[in-house]
Structures are given as structure tokens and as C-alpha cells.
All heavy atoms as atom14 arrays in JSON, in Angstrom:
{
  "sequence": "PKAMYYLQLEDDIIAKTMYFTKITDFVHSITSNNWFYIEFSVLGFIGK",
  "atom14_mask": [
    [1, 1, 1, 1, 1, 1, 1, 0, 0, 0, 0, 0, 0, 0],
    [1, 1, 1, 1, 1, 1, 1, 1, 1, 0, 0, 0, 0, 0],
    [1, 1, 1, 1, 1, 0, 0, 0, 0, 0, 0, 0, 0, 0],
    [1, 1, 1, 1, 1, 1, 1, 1, 0, 0, 0, 0, 0, 0],
    [1, 1, 1, 1, 1, 1, 1, 1, 1, 1, 1, 1, 0, 0],
    [1, 1, 1, 1, 1, 1, 1, 1, 1, 1, 1, 1, 0, 0],
    [1, 1, 1, 1, 1, 1, 1, 1, 0, 0, 0, 0, 0, 0],
    [1, 1, 1, 1, 1, 1, 1, 1, 1, 0, 0, 0, 0, 0],
    [1, 1, 1, 1, 1, 1, 1, 1, 0, 0, 0, 0, 0, 0],
    [1, 1, 1, 1, 1, 1, 1, 1, 1, 0, 0, 0, 0, 0],
    [1, 1, 1, 1, 1, 1, 1, 1, 0, 0, 0, 0, 0, 0],
    [1, 1, 1, 1, 1, 1, 1, 1, 0, 0, 0, 0, 0, 0],
    [1, 1, 1, 1, 1, 1, 1, 1, 0, 0, 0, 0, 0, 0],
    [1, 1, 1, 1, 1, 1, 1, 1, 0, 0, 0, 0, 0, 0],
    [1, 1, 1, 1, 1, 0, 0, 0, 0, 0, 0, 0, 0, 0],
    [1, 1, 1, 1, 1, 1, 1, 1, 1, 0, 0, 0, 0, 0],
    [1, 1, 1, 1, 1, 1, 1, 0, 0, 0, 0, 0, 0, 0],
    [1, 1, 1, 1, 1, 1, 1, 1, 0, 0, 0, 0, 0, 0],
    [1, 1, 1, 1, 1, 1, 1, 1, 1, 1, 1, 1, 0, 0],
    [1, 1, 1, 1, 1, 1, 1, 1, 1, 1, 1, 0, 0, 0],
    [1, 1, 1, 1, 1, 1, 1, 0, 0, 0, 0, 0, 0, 0],
    [1, 1, 1, 1, 1, 1, 1, 1, 1, 0, 0, 0, 0, 0],
    [1, 1, 1, 1, 1, 1, 1, 1, 0, 0, 0, 0, 0, 0],
    [1, 1, 1, 1, 1, 1, 1, 0, 0, 0, 0, 0, 0, 0],
    [1, 1, 1, 1, 1, 1, 1, 1, 0, 0, 0, 0, 0, 0],
    [1, 1, 1, 1, 1, 1, 1, 1, 1, 1, 1, 0, 0, 0],
    [1, 1, 1, 1, 1, 1, 1, 0, 0, 0, 0, 0, 0, 0],
    [1, 1, 1, 1, 1, 1, 1, 1, 1, 1, 0, 0, 0, 0],
    [1, 1, 1, 1, 1, 1, 0, 0, 0, 0, 0, 0, 0, 0],
    [1, 1, 1, 1, 1, 1, 1, 1, 0, 0, 0, 0, 0, 0],
    [1, 1, 1, 1, 1, 1, 1, 0, 0, 0, 0, 0, 0, 0],
    [1, 1, 1, 1, 1, 1, 0, 0, 0, 0, 0, 0, 0, 0],
    [1, 1, 1, 1, 1, 1, 1, 1, 0, 0, 0, 0, 0, 0],
    [1, 1, 1, 1, 1, 1, 1, 1, 0, 0, 0, 0, 0, 0],
    [1, 1, 1, 1, 1, 1, 1, 1, 1, 1, 1, 1, 1, 1],
    [1, 1, 1, 1, 1, 1, 1, 1, 1, 1, 1, 0, 0, 0],
    [1, 1, 1, 1, 1, 1, 1, 1, 1, 1, 1, 1, 0, 0],
    [1, 1, 1, 1, 1, 1, 1, 1, 0, 0, 0, 0, 0, 0],
    [1, 1, 1, 1, 1, 1, 1, 1, 1, 0, 0, 0, 0, 0],
    [1, 1, 1, 1, 1, 1, 1, 1, 1, 1, 1, 0, 0, 0],
    [1, 1, 1, 1, 1, 1, 0, 0, 0, 0, 0, 0, 0, 0],
    [1, 1, 1, 1, 1, 1, 1, 0, 0, 0, 0, 0, 0, 0],
    [1, 1, 1, 1, 1, 1, 1, 1, 0, 0, 0, 0, 0, 0],
    [1, 1, 1, 1, 0, 0, 0, 0, 0, 0, 0, 0, 0, 0],
    [1, 1, 1, 1, 1, 1, 1, 1, 1, 1, 1, 0, 0, 0],
    [1, 1, 1, 1, 1, 1, 1, 1, 0, 0, 0, 0, 0, 0],
    [1, 1, 1, 1, 0, 0, 0, 0, 0, 0, 0, 0, 0, 0],
    [1, 1, 1, 1, 1, 1, 1, 1, 1, 0, 0, 0, 0, 0]
  ],
  "atom14_positions": [
    [[-134.37, 121.59, 31.43], [-133.29, 120.73, 30.92], [-132.11, 120.56, 31.87], [-131.18, 119.83, 31.56], [-132.85, 121.46, 29.64], [-133.27, 122.87, 29.81], [-134.44, 122.88, 30.73], [0.0, 0.0, 0.0], [0.0, 0.0, 0.0], [0.0, 0.0, 0.0], [0.0, 0.0, 0.0], [0.0, 0.0, 0.0], [0.0, 0.0, 0.0], [0.0, 0.0, 0.0]],
    [[-132.16, 121.2, 33.01], [-131.01, 121.18, 33.91], [-131.0, 120.01, 34.9], [-129.94, 119.59, 35.35], [-130.94, 122.5, 34.7], [-130.55, 123.69, 33.85], [-130.49, 124.94, 34.68], [-129.85, 126.07, 33.87], [-128.41, 125.83, 33.61], [0.0, 0.0, 0.0], [0.0, 0.0, 0.0], [0.0, 0.0, 0.0], [0.0, 0.0, 0.0], [0.0, 0.0, 0.0]],
    [[-132.17, 119.52, 35.27], [-132.24, 118.6, 36.39], [-133.33, 117.55, 36.21], [-134.22, 117.69, 35.37], [-132.48, 119.38, 37.69], [0.0, 0.0, 0.0], [0.0, 0.0, 0.0], [0.0, 0.0, 0.0], [0.0, 0.0, 0.0], [0.0, 0.0, 0.0], [0.0, 0.0, 0.0], [0.0, 0.0, 0.0], [0.0, 0.0, 0.0], [0.0, 0.0, 0.0]],
    [[-133.27, 116.52, 37.04], [-134.28, 115.48, 37.02], [-135.57, 115.94, 37.71], [-136.67, 115.58, 37.29], [-133.74, 114.22, 37.72], [-134.66, 113.02, 37.65], [-133.95, 111.58, 38.49], [-132.44, 111.35, 37.54], [0.0, 0.0, 0.0], [0.0, 0.0, 0.0], [0.0, 0.0, 0.0], [0.0, 0.0, 0.0], [0.0, 0.0, 0.0], [0.0, 0.0, 0.0]],
    [[-135.41, 116.77, 38.74], [-136.56, 117.27, 39.5], [-136.48, 118.78, 39.61], [-135.39, 119.37, 39.61], [-136.61, 116.66, 40.91], [-136.64, 115.16, 40.95], [-135.49, 114.43, 41.26], [-137.8, 114.45, 40.66], [-135.51, 113.04, 41.29], [-137.83, 113.08, 40.68], [-136.68, 112.37, 41.0], [-136.71, 111.0, 41.02], [0.0, 0.0, 0.0], [0.0, 0.0, 0.0]],
    [[-137.66, 119.39, 39.71], [-137.74, 120.85, 39.86], [-138.52, 121.17, 41.12], [-139.65, 120.71, 41.31], [-138.43, 121.48, 38.65], [-138.66, 122.97, 38.81], [-137.62, 123.87, 38.69], [-139.94, 123.46, 39.1], [-137.83, 125.24, 38.84], [-140.16, 124.82, 39.25], [-139.1, 125.7, 39.12], [-139.3, 127.05, 39.28], [0.0, 0.0, 0.0], [0.0, 0.0, 0.0]],
    [[-137.93, 121.99, 41.99], [-138.57, 122.4, 43.24], [-138.92, 123.88, 43.16], [-138.05, 124.73, 43.0], [-137.62, 122.16, 44.42], [-138.15, 122.55, 45.81], [-139.36, 121.69, 46.21], [-137.05, 122.45, 46.86], [0.0, 0.0, 0.0], [0.0, 0.0, 0.0], [0.0, 0.0, 0.0], [0.0, 0.0, 0.0], [0.0, 0.0, 0.0], [0.0, 0.0, 0.0]],
    [[-140.22, 124.18, 43.27], [-140.67, 125.57, 43.19], [-140.64, 126.22, 44.57], [-141.22, 125.72, 45.53], [-142.09, 125.63, 42.64], [-142.61, 127.04, 42.45], [-141.79, 127.79, 41.42], [-141.78, 127.43, 40.25], [-141.12, 128.85, 41.84], [0.0, 0.0, 0.0], [0.0, 0.0, 0.0], [0.0, 0.0, 0.0], [0.0, 0.0, 0.0], [0.0, 0.0, 0.0]],
    [[-139.94, 127.35, 44.64], [-139.86, 128.11, 45.87], [-140.24, 129.57, 45.59], [-140.6, 129.91, 44.47], [-138.45, 128.01, 46.46], [-138.01, 126.58, 46.83], [-136.53, 126.54, 47.16], [-138.84, 126.04, 47.98], [0.0, 0.0, 0.0], [0.0, 0.0, 0.0], [0.0, 0.0, 0.0], [0.0, 0.0, 0.0], [0.0, 0.0, 0.0], [0.0, 0.0, 0.0]],
    [[-140.15, 130.42, 46.6], [-140.38, 131.85, 46.43], [-139.25, 132.61, 47.12], [-138.4, 132.0, 47.8], [-141.76, 132.25, 46.95], [-142.89, 131.63, 46.11], [-144.27, 132.14, 46.48], [-144.37, 133.08, 47.29], [-145.27, 131.59, 45.96], [0.0, 0.0, 0.0], [0.0, 0.0, 0.0], [0.0, 0.0, 0.0], [0.0, 0.0, 0.0], [0.0, 0.0, 0.0]],
    [[-139.24, 133.92, 46.98], [-138.11, 134.72, 47.46], [-138.28, 135.24, 48.88], [-137.52, 136.11, 49.32], [-137.84, 135.89, 46.51], [-138.98, 136.91, 46.49], [-140.08, 136.6, 47.01], [-138.77, 138.01, 45.94], [0.0, 0.0, 0.0], [0.0, 0.0, 0.0], [0.0, 0.0, 0.0], [0.0, 0.0, 0.0], [0.0, 0.0, 0.0], [0.0, 0.0, 0.0]],
    [[-139.25, 134.68, 49.6], [-139.46, 135.12, 50.99], [-139.77, 133.91, 51.88], [-140.72, 133.92, 52.65], [-140.58, 136.17, 51.08], [-141.9, 135.68, 50.52], [-141.93, 134.6, 49.88], [-142.93, 136.36, 50.73], [0.0, 0.0, 0.0], [0.0, 0.0, 0.0], [0.0, 0.0, 0.0], [0.0, 0.0, 0.0], [0.0, 0.0, 0.0], [0.0, 0.0, 0.0]],
    [[-138.92, 132.89, 51.77], [-139.1, 131.67, 52.58], [-137.77, 131.32, 53.26], [-136.71, 131.82, 52.89], [-139.59, 130.48, 51.72], [-138.6, 130.17, 50.57], [-140.96, 130.78, 51.14], [-137.62, 129.08, 50.84], [0.0, 0.0, 0.0], [0.0, 0.0, 0.0], [0.0, 0.0, 0.0], [0.0, 0.0, 0.0], [0.0, 0.0, 0.0], [0.0, 0.0, 0.0]],
    [[-137.87, 130.45, 54.25], [-136.68, 129.84, 54.84], [-136.87, 128.32, 54.81], [-138.0, 127.83, 54.73], [-136.42, 130.31, 56.29], [-137.64, 130.03, 57.18], [-136.04, 131.77, 56.32], [-137.38, 130.28, 58.66], [0.0, 0.0, 0.0], [0.0, 0.0, 0.0], [0.0, 0.0, 0.0], [0.0, 0.0, 0.0], [0.0, 0.0, 0.0], [0.0, 0.0, 0.0]],
    [[-135.75, 127.62, 54.85], [-135.78, 126.15, 54.8], [-135.33, 125.57, 56.14], [-134.51, 126.16, 56.84], [-134.86, 125.65, 53.68], [0.0, 0.0, 0.0], [0.0, 0.0, 0.0], [0.0, 0.0, 0.0], [0.0, 0.0, 0.0], [0.0, 0.0, 0.0], [0.0, 0.0, 0.0], [0.0, 0.0, 0.0], [0.0, 0.0, 0.0], [0.0, 0.0, 0.0]],
    [[-135.85, 124.39, 56.45], [-135.42, 123.7, 57.66], [-134.02, 123.13, 57.5], [-133.56, 122.85, 56.38], [-136.39, 122.54, 57.98], [-137.6, 122.97, 58.76], [-138.37, 121.77, 59.29], [-139.47, 122.23, 60.24], [-140.28, 121.09, 60.73], [0.0, 0.0, 0.0], [0.0, 0.0, 0.0], [0.0, 0.0, 0.0], [0.0, 0.0, 0.0], [0.0, 0.0, 0.0]],
    [[-133.36, 122.96, 58.62], [-132.06, 122.3, 58.62], [-132.19, 120.91, 57.98], [-133.15, 120.19, 58.24], [-131.53, 122.16, 60.06], [-131.46, 123.47, 60.64], [-130.15, 121.52, 60.08], [0.0, 0.0, 0.0], [0.0, 0.0, 0.0], [0.0, 0.0, 0.0], [0.0, 0.0, 0.0], [0.0, 0.0, 0.0], [0.0, 0.0, 0.0], [0.0, 0.0, 0.0]],
    [[-131.23, 120.57, 57.12], [-131.2, 119.28, 56.43], [-132.39, 119.08, 55.49], [-132.75, 117.96, 55.14], [-131.12, 118.12, 57.42], [-129.83, 118.07, 58.23], [-129.74, 116.64, 59.31], [-129.71, 115.29, 58.11], [0.0, 0.0, 0.0], [0.0, 0.0, 0.0], [0.0, 0.0, 0.0], [0.0, 0.0, 0.0], [0.0, 0.0, 0.0], [0.0, 0.0, 0.0]],
    [[-132.99, 120.19, 55.04], [-134.15, 120.07, 54.16], [-133.82, 119.29, 52.89], [-134.63, 118.48, 52.42], [-134.69, 121.46, 53.8], [-133.9, 122.17, 52.72], [-134.29, 122.13, 51.38], [-132.74, 122.89, 53.03], [-133.57, 122.77, 50.39], [-132.01, 123.54, 52.05], [-132.42, 123.47, 50.73], [-131.68, 124.1, 49.75], [0.0, 0.0, 0.0], [0.0, 0.0, 0.0]],
    [[-132.63, 119.54, 52.34], [-132.28, 118.9, 51.08], [-132.09, 117.4, 51.27], [-132.53, 116.6, 50.44], [-131.01, 119.54, 50.52], [-130.81, 119.31, 49.05], [-131.21, 120.25, 48.12], [-130.24, 118.14, 48.59], [-131.03, 120.04, 46.76], [-130.06, 117.91, 47.24], [-130.46, 118.87, 46.32], [0.0, 0.0, 0.0], [0.0, 0.0, 0.0], [0.0, 0.0, 0.0]],
    [[-131.45, 117.03, 52.35], [-131.27, 115.6, 52.66], [-132.62, 114.91, 52.81], [-132.83, 113.8, 52.29], [-130.46, 115.43, 53.95], [-129.2, 116.1, 53.81], [-130.22, 113.97, 54.26], [0.0, 0.0, 0.0], [0.0, 0.0, 0.0], [0.0, 0.0, 0.0], [0.0, 0.0, 0.0], [0.0, 0.0, 0.0], [0.0, 0.0, 0.0], [0.0, 0.0, 0.0]],
    [[-133.55, 115.58, 53.48], [-134.87, 115.0, 53.71], [-135.65, 114.86, 52.4], [-136.34, 113.86, 52.18], [-135.65, 115.85, 54.71], [-135.06, 115.8, 56.12], [-135.72, 116.79, 57.06], [-135.08, 116.74, 58.44], [-135.63, 117.76, 59.36], [0.0, 0.0, 0.0], [0.0, 0.0, 0.0], [0.0, 0.0, 0.0], [0.0, 0.0, 0.0], [0.0, 0.0, 0.0]],
    [[-135.53, 115.84, 51.53], [-136.2, 115.75, 50.22], [-135.63, 114.58, 49.42], [-136.37, 113.76, 48.86], [-136.05, 117.06, 49.45], [-136.89, 118.16, 50.09], [-136.45, 116.87, 47.98], [-136.71, 119.53, 49.46], [0.0, 0.0, 0.0], [0.0, 0.0, 0.0], [0.0, 0.0, 0.0], [0.0, 0.0, 0.0], [0.0, 0.0, 0.0], [0.0, 0.0, 0.0]],
    [[-134.32, 114.51, 49.35], [-133.66, 113.45, 48.58], [-134.04, 112.07, 49.11], [-134.41, 111.17, 48.34], [-132.13, 113.62, 48.62], [-131.79, 114.92, 48.11], [-131.44, 112.56, 47.78], [0.0, 0.0, 0.0], [0.0, 0.0, 0.0], [0.0, 0.0, 0.0], [0.0, 0.0, 0.0], [0.0, 0.0, 0.0], [0.0, 0.0, 0.0], [0.0, 0.0, 0.0]],
    [[-133.96, 111.9, 50.41], [-134.28, 110.61, 51.02], [-135.74, 110.23, 50.77], [-136.06, 109.07, 50.48], [-134.01, 110.63, 52.52], [-132.51, 110.68, 52.85], [-131.7, 110.44, 51.93], [-132.17, 110.97, 54.01], [0.0, 0.0, 0.0], [0.0, 0.0, 0.0], [0.0, 0.0, 0.0], [0.0, 0.0, 0.0], [0.0, 0.0, 0.0], [0.0, 0.0, 0.0]],
    [[-136.63, 111.24, 50.86], [-138.05, 110.95, 50.68], [-138.35, 110.55, 49.24], [-139.09, 109.59, 48.99], [-138.89, 112.16, 51.09], [-140.37, 111.9, 51.07], [-140.96, 111.1, 52.03], [-141.18, 112.44, 50.08], [-142.33, 110.84, 52.02], [-142.54, 112.2, 50.05], [-143.11, 111.4, 51.03], [0.0, 0.0, 0.0], [0.0, 0.0, 0.0], [0.0, 0.0, 0.0]],
    [[-137.79, 111.28, 48.28], [-138.02, 110.96, 46.87], [-137.51, 109.55, 46.56], [-138.18, 108.78, 45.86], [-137.34, 112.0, 45.96], [-137.38, 111.55, 44.5], [-138.02, 113.36, 46.11], [0.0, 0.0, 0.0], [0.0, 0.0, 0.0], [0.0, 0.0, 0.0], [0.0, 0.0, 0.0], [0.0, 0.0, 0.0], [0.0, 0.0, 0.0], [0.0, 0.0, 0.0]],
    [[-136.34, 109.22, 47.09], [-135.77, 107.89, 46.82], [-136.54, 106.77, 47.51], [-136.46, 105.61, 47.11], [-134.31, 107.86, 47.25], [-133.42, 108.7, 46.38], [-132.16, 109.1, 46.75], [-133.63, 109.23, 45.15], [-131.63, 109.84, 45.78], [-132.51, 109.92, 44.8], [0.0, 0.0, 0.0], [0.0, 0.0, 0.0], [0.0, 0.0, 0.0], [0.0, 0.0, 0.0]],
    [[-137.3, 107.14, 48.56], [-138.06, 106.11, 49.29], [-139.38, 105.77, 48.62], [-140.01, 104.76, 48.97], [-138.35, 106.6, 50.72], [-139.34, 107.64, 50.72], [0.0, 0.0, 0.0], [0.0, 0.0, 0.0], [0.0, 0.0, 0.0], [0.0, 0.0, 0.0], [0.0, 0.0, 0.0], [0.0, 0.0, 0.0], [0.0, 0.0, 0.0], [0.0, 0.0, 0.0]],
    [[-139.82, 106.58, 47.67], [-141.08, 106.33, 46.99], [-140.87, 105.22, 45.96], [-140.06, 105.36, 45.03], [-141.61, 107.61, 46.3], [-141.84, 108.7, 47.34], [-142.9, 107.32, 45.54], [-142.22, 110.04, 46.75], [0.0, 0.0, 0.0], [0.0, 0.0, 0.0], [0.0, 0.0, 0.0], [0.0, 0.0, 0.0], [0.0, 0.0, 0.0], [0.0, 0.0, 0.0]],
    [[-141.57, 104.14, 46.12], [-141.34, 102.96, 45.27], [-141.97, 103.11, 43.89], [-141.47, 102.57, 42.91], [-141.89, 101.7, 45.95], [-143.28, 101.9, 46.27], [-141.13, 101.41, 47.23], [0.0, 0.0, 0.0], [0.0, 0.0, 0.0], [0.0, 0.0, 0.0], [0.0, 0.0, 0.0], [0.0, 0.0, 0.0], [0.0, 0.0, 0.0], [0.0, 0.0, 0.0]],
    [[-143.07, 103.85, 43.8], [-143.73, 104.04, 42.5], [-143.32, 105.38, 41.9], [-143.16, 106.37, 42.62], [-145.25, 104.0, 42.67], [-145.89, 104.41, 41.47], [0.0, 0.0, 0.0], [0.0, 0.0, 0.0], [0.0, 0.0, 0.0], [0.0, 0.0, 0.0], [0.0, 0.0, 0.0], [0.0, 0.0, 0.0], [0.0, 0.0, 0.0], [0.0, 0.0, 0.0]],
    [[-143.18, 105.41, 40.59], [-142.87, 106.67, 39.9], [-144.13, 107.36, 39.42], [-144.07, 108.37, 38.72], [-141.94, 106.4, 38.7], [-141.3, 107.66, 38.18], [-140.85, 108.5, 38.96], [-141.24, 107.81, 36.87], [0.0, 0.0, 0.0], [0.0, 0.0, 0.0], [0.0, 0.0, 0.0], [0.0, 0.0, 0.0], [0.0, 0.0, 0.0], [0.0, 0.0, 0.0]],
    [[-145.27, 106.88, 39.85], [-146.55, 107.38, 39.37], [-147.09, 108.5, 40.25], [-148.28, 108.54, 40.58], [-147.57, 106.23, 39.3], [-148.83, 106.64, 38.56], [-148.79, 107.44, 37.65], [-149.97, 106.1, 39.0], [0.0, 0.0, 0.0], [0.0, 0.0, 0.0], [0.0, 0.0, 0.0], [0.0, 0.0, 0.0], [0.0, 0.0, 0.0], [0.0, 0.0, 0.0]],
    [[-146.21, 109.41, 40.67], [-146.69, 110.54, 41.47], [-146.76, 111.8, 40.61], [-146.01, 111.98, 39.67], [-145.84, 110.77, 42.71], [-144.36, 110.85, 42.52], [-143.47, 109.82, 42.53], [-143.58, 112.04, 42.3], [-142.19, 110.27, 42.34], [-142.23, 111.62, 42.19], [-143.87, 113.39, 42.19], [-141.18, 112.54, 41.98], [-142.84, 114.3, 41.98], [-141.52, 113.87, 41.88]],
    [[-147.7, 112.66, 40.97], [-148.0, 113.87, 40.21], [-147.07, 115.01, 40.63], [-146.42, 115.63, 39.82], [-149.46, 114.23, 40.46], [-150.08, 115.11, 39.43], [-149.95, 114.84, 38.08], [-150.83, 116.2, 39.81], [-150.53, 115.65, 37.13], [-151.44, 117.01, 38.87], [-151.28, 116.74, 37.53], [0.0, 0.0, 0.0], [0.0, 0.0, 0.0], [0.0, 0.0, 0.0]],
    [[-147.05, 115.28, 41.91], [-146.07, 116.17, 42.51], [-146.04, 115.9, 44.01], [-146.93, 115.24, 44.56], [-146.36, 117.66, 42.22], [-147.67, 118.19, 42.78], [-147.76, 118.69, 44.08], [-148.81, 118.23, 41.99], [-148.94, 119.19, 44.57], [-150.0, 118.73, 42.48], [-150.06, 119.22, 43.78], [-151.25, 119.71, 44.27], [0.0, 0.0, 0.0], [0.0, 0.0, 0.0]],
    [[-145.01, 116.42, 44.67], [-144.85, 116.23, 46.12], [-144.86, 117.6, 46.78], [-144.18, 118.53, 46.33], [-143.54, 115.5, 46.46], [-143.48, 114.15, 45.73], [-143.42, 115.28, 47.96], [-142.15, 113.42, 45.9], [0.0, 0.0, 0.0], [0.0, 0.0, 0.0], [0.0, 0.0, 0.0], [0.0, 0.0, 0.0], [0.0, 0.0, 0.0], [0.0, 0.0, 0.0]],
    [[-145.64, 117.73, 47.84], [-145.72, 118.99, 48.58], [-144.79, 118.94, 49.78], [-144.98, 118.11, 50.67], [-147.15, 119.22, 49.09], [-148.14, 119.6, 48.04], [-149.46, 120.03, 48.66], [-149.88, 119.41, 49.66], [-150.06, 120.98, 48.17], [0.0, 0.0, 0.0], [0.0, 0.0, 0.0], [0.0, 0.0, 0.0], [0.0, 0.0, 0.0], [0.0, 0.0, 0.0]],
    [[-143.83, 119.86, 49.82], [-142.98, 120.0, 50.99], [-143.36, 121.26, 51.78], [-142.67, 121.63, 52.72], [-141.5, 120.03, 50.59], [-141.03, 118.69, 50.07], [-140.95, 118.44, 48.71], [-140.7, 117.67, 50.96], [-140.52, 117.2, 48.24], [-140.27, 116.43, 50.49], [-140.19, 116.2, 49.13], [0.0, 0.0, 0.0], [0.0, 0.0, 0.0], [0.0, 0.0, 0.0]],
    [[-144.45, 121.88, 51.39], [-145.12, 122.95, 52.12], [-146.56, 122.98, 51.65], [-146.83, 122.71, 50.47], [-144.45, 124.31, 51.87], [-145.25, 125.37, 52.4], [0.0, 0.0, 0.0], [0.0, 0.0, 0.0], [0.0, 0.0, 0.0], [0.0, 0.0, 0.0], [0.0, 0.0, 0.0], [0.0, 0.0, 0.0], [0.0, 0.0, 0.0], [0.0, 0.0, 0.0]],
    [[-147.47, 123.31, 52.54], [-148.89, 123.34, 52.15], [-149.31, 124.71, 51.65], [-150.43, 124.88, 51.18], [-149.8, 122.93, 53.34], [-149.5, 121.51, 53.78], [-149.66, 123.9, 54.5], [0.0, 0.0, 0.0], [0.0, 0.0, 0.0], [0.0, 0.0, 0.0], [0.0, 0.0, 0.0], [0.0, 0.0, 0.0], [0.0, 0.0, 0.0], [0.0, 0.0, 0.0]],
    [[-148.43, 125.7, 51.73], [-148.79, 127.06, 51.34], [-148.63, 127.27, 49.84], [-147.54, 127.1, 49.28], [-147.9, 128.08, 52.07], [-148.21, 128.35, 53.54], [-147.27, 129.42, 54.08], [-149.66, 128.78, 53.74], [0.0, 0.0, 0.0], [0.0, 0.0, 0.0], [0.0, 0.0, 0.0], [0.0, 0.0, 0.0], [0.0, 0.0, 0.0], [0.0, 0.0, 0.0]],
    [[-149.7, 127.67, 49.18], [-149.65, 128.11, 47.8], [-148.83, 127.21, 46.9], [-149.03, 126.01, 46.83], [0.0, 0.0, 0.0], [0.0, 0.0, 0.0], [0.0, 0.0, 0.0], [0.0, 0.0, 0.0], [0.0, 0.0, 0.0], [0.0, 0.0, 0.0], [0.0, 0.0, 0.0], [0.0, 0.0, 0.0], [0.0, 0.0, 0.0], [0.0, 0.0, 0.0]],
    [[-147.86, 127.83, 46.21], [-147.02, 127.14, 45.25], [-145.64, 126.83, 45.83], [-144.76, 126.35, 45.13], [-146.9, 128.01, 43.99], [-146.69, 127.23, 42.72], [-147.32, 126.01, 42.5], [-145.89, 127.74, 41.71], [-147.13, 125.3, 41.31], [-145.7, 127.04, 40.52], [-146.32, 125.83, 40.33], [0.0, 0.0, 0.0], [0.0, 0.0, 0.0], [0.0, 0.0, 0.0]],
    [[-145.46, 127.12, 47.11], [-144.17, 126.95, 47.76], [-143.89, 125.47, 48.02], [-144.77, 124.73, 48.47], [-144.12, 127.71, 49.09], [-144.26, 129.22, 48.86], [-142.83, 127.42, 49.86], [-144.47, 130.02, 50.13], [0.0, 0.0, 0.0], [0.0, 0.0, 0.0], [0.0, 0.0, 0.0], [0.0, 0.0, 0.0], [0.0, 0.0, 0.0], [0.0, 0.0, 0.0]],
    [[-142.66, 125.03, 47.73], [-142.25, 123.69, 48.1], [-142.87, 122.57, 47.29], [-142.92, 121.43, 47.76], [0.0, 0.0, 0.0], [0.0, 0.0, 0.0], [0.0, 0.0, 0.0], [0.0, 0.0, 0.0], [0.0, 0.0, 0.0], [0.0, 0.0, 0.0], [0.0, 0.0, 0.0], [0.0, 0.0, 0.0], [0.0, 0.0, 0.0], [0.0, 0.0, 0.0]],
    [[-143.3, 122.86, 46.09], [-143.88, 121.83, 45.23], [-142.78, 121.23, 44.35], [-142.07, 121.96, 43.65], [-144.99, 122.4, 44.35], [-146.1, 123.12, 45.13], [-146.76, 122.22, 46.16], [-147.93, 122.89, 46.85], [-147.53, 123.85, 47.89], [0.0, 0.0, 0.0], [0.0, 0.0, 0.0], [0.0, 0.0, 0.0], [0.0, 0.0, 0.0], [0.0, 0.0, 0.0]]
  ]
}
């Protein structure tokens, strides 16, 4: 109930510089809302 989007992370990761800006820009660039989830890391459940 807190937010429009939920980003799953873990307690032993680091983020790239400007990661948040890149996520925001990428989400806003997607023209269709028919996506299931977006992977910002290919490992496990990180960055989904």
C-alpha cells in the first residue's frame, strides 16, 4: 500500500551510481503497461 512499484532487493548487494534515476527513466519509457515484471539483475530474486 505504500508505493506504485515494488523493487525486491537483498541485504548483501550494492547498487550502481544513478541506479534509481535509470530505473525511473526506464519504467517511464515503457509505452505499454502490460509487463509482468522488470529485471534489473539476473541473479535470483534480486532487482525484480
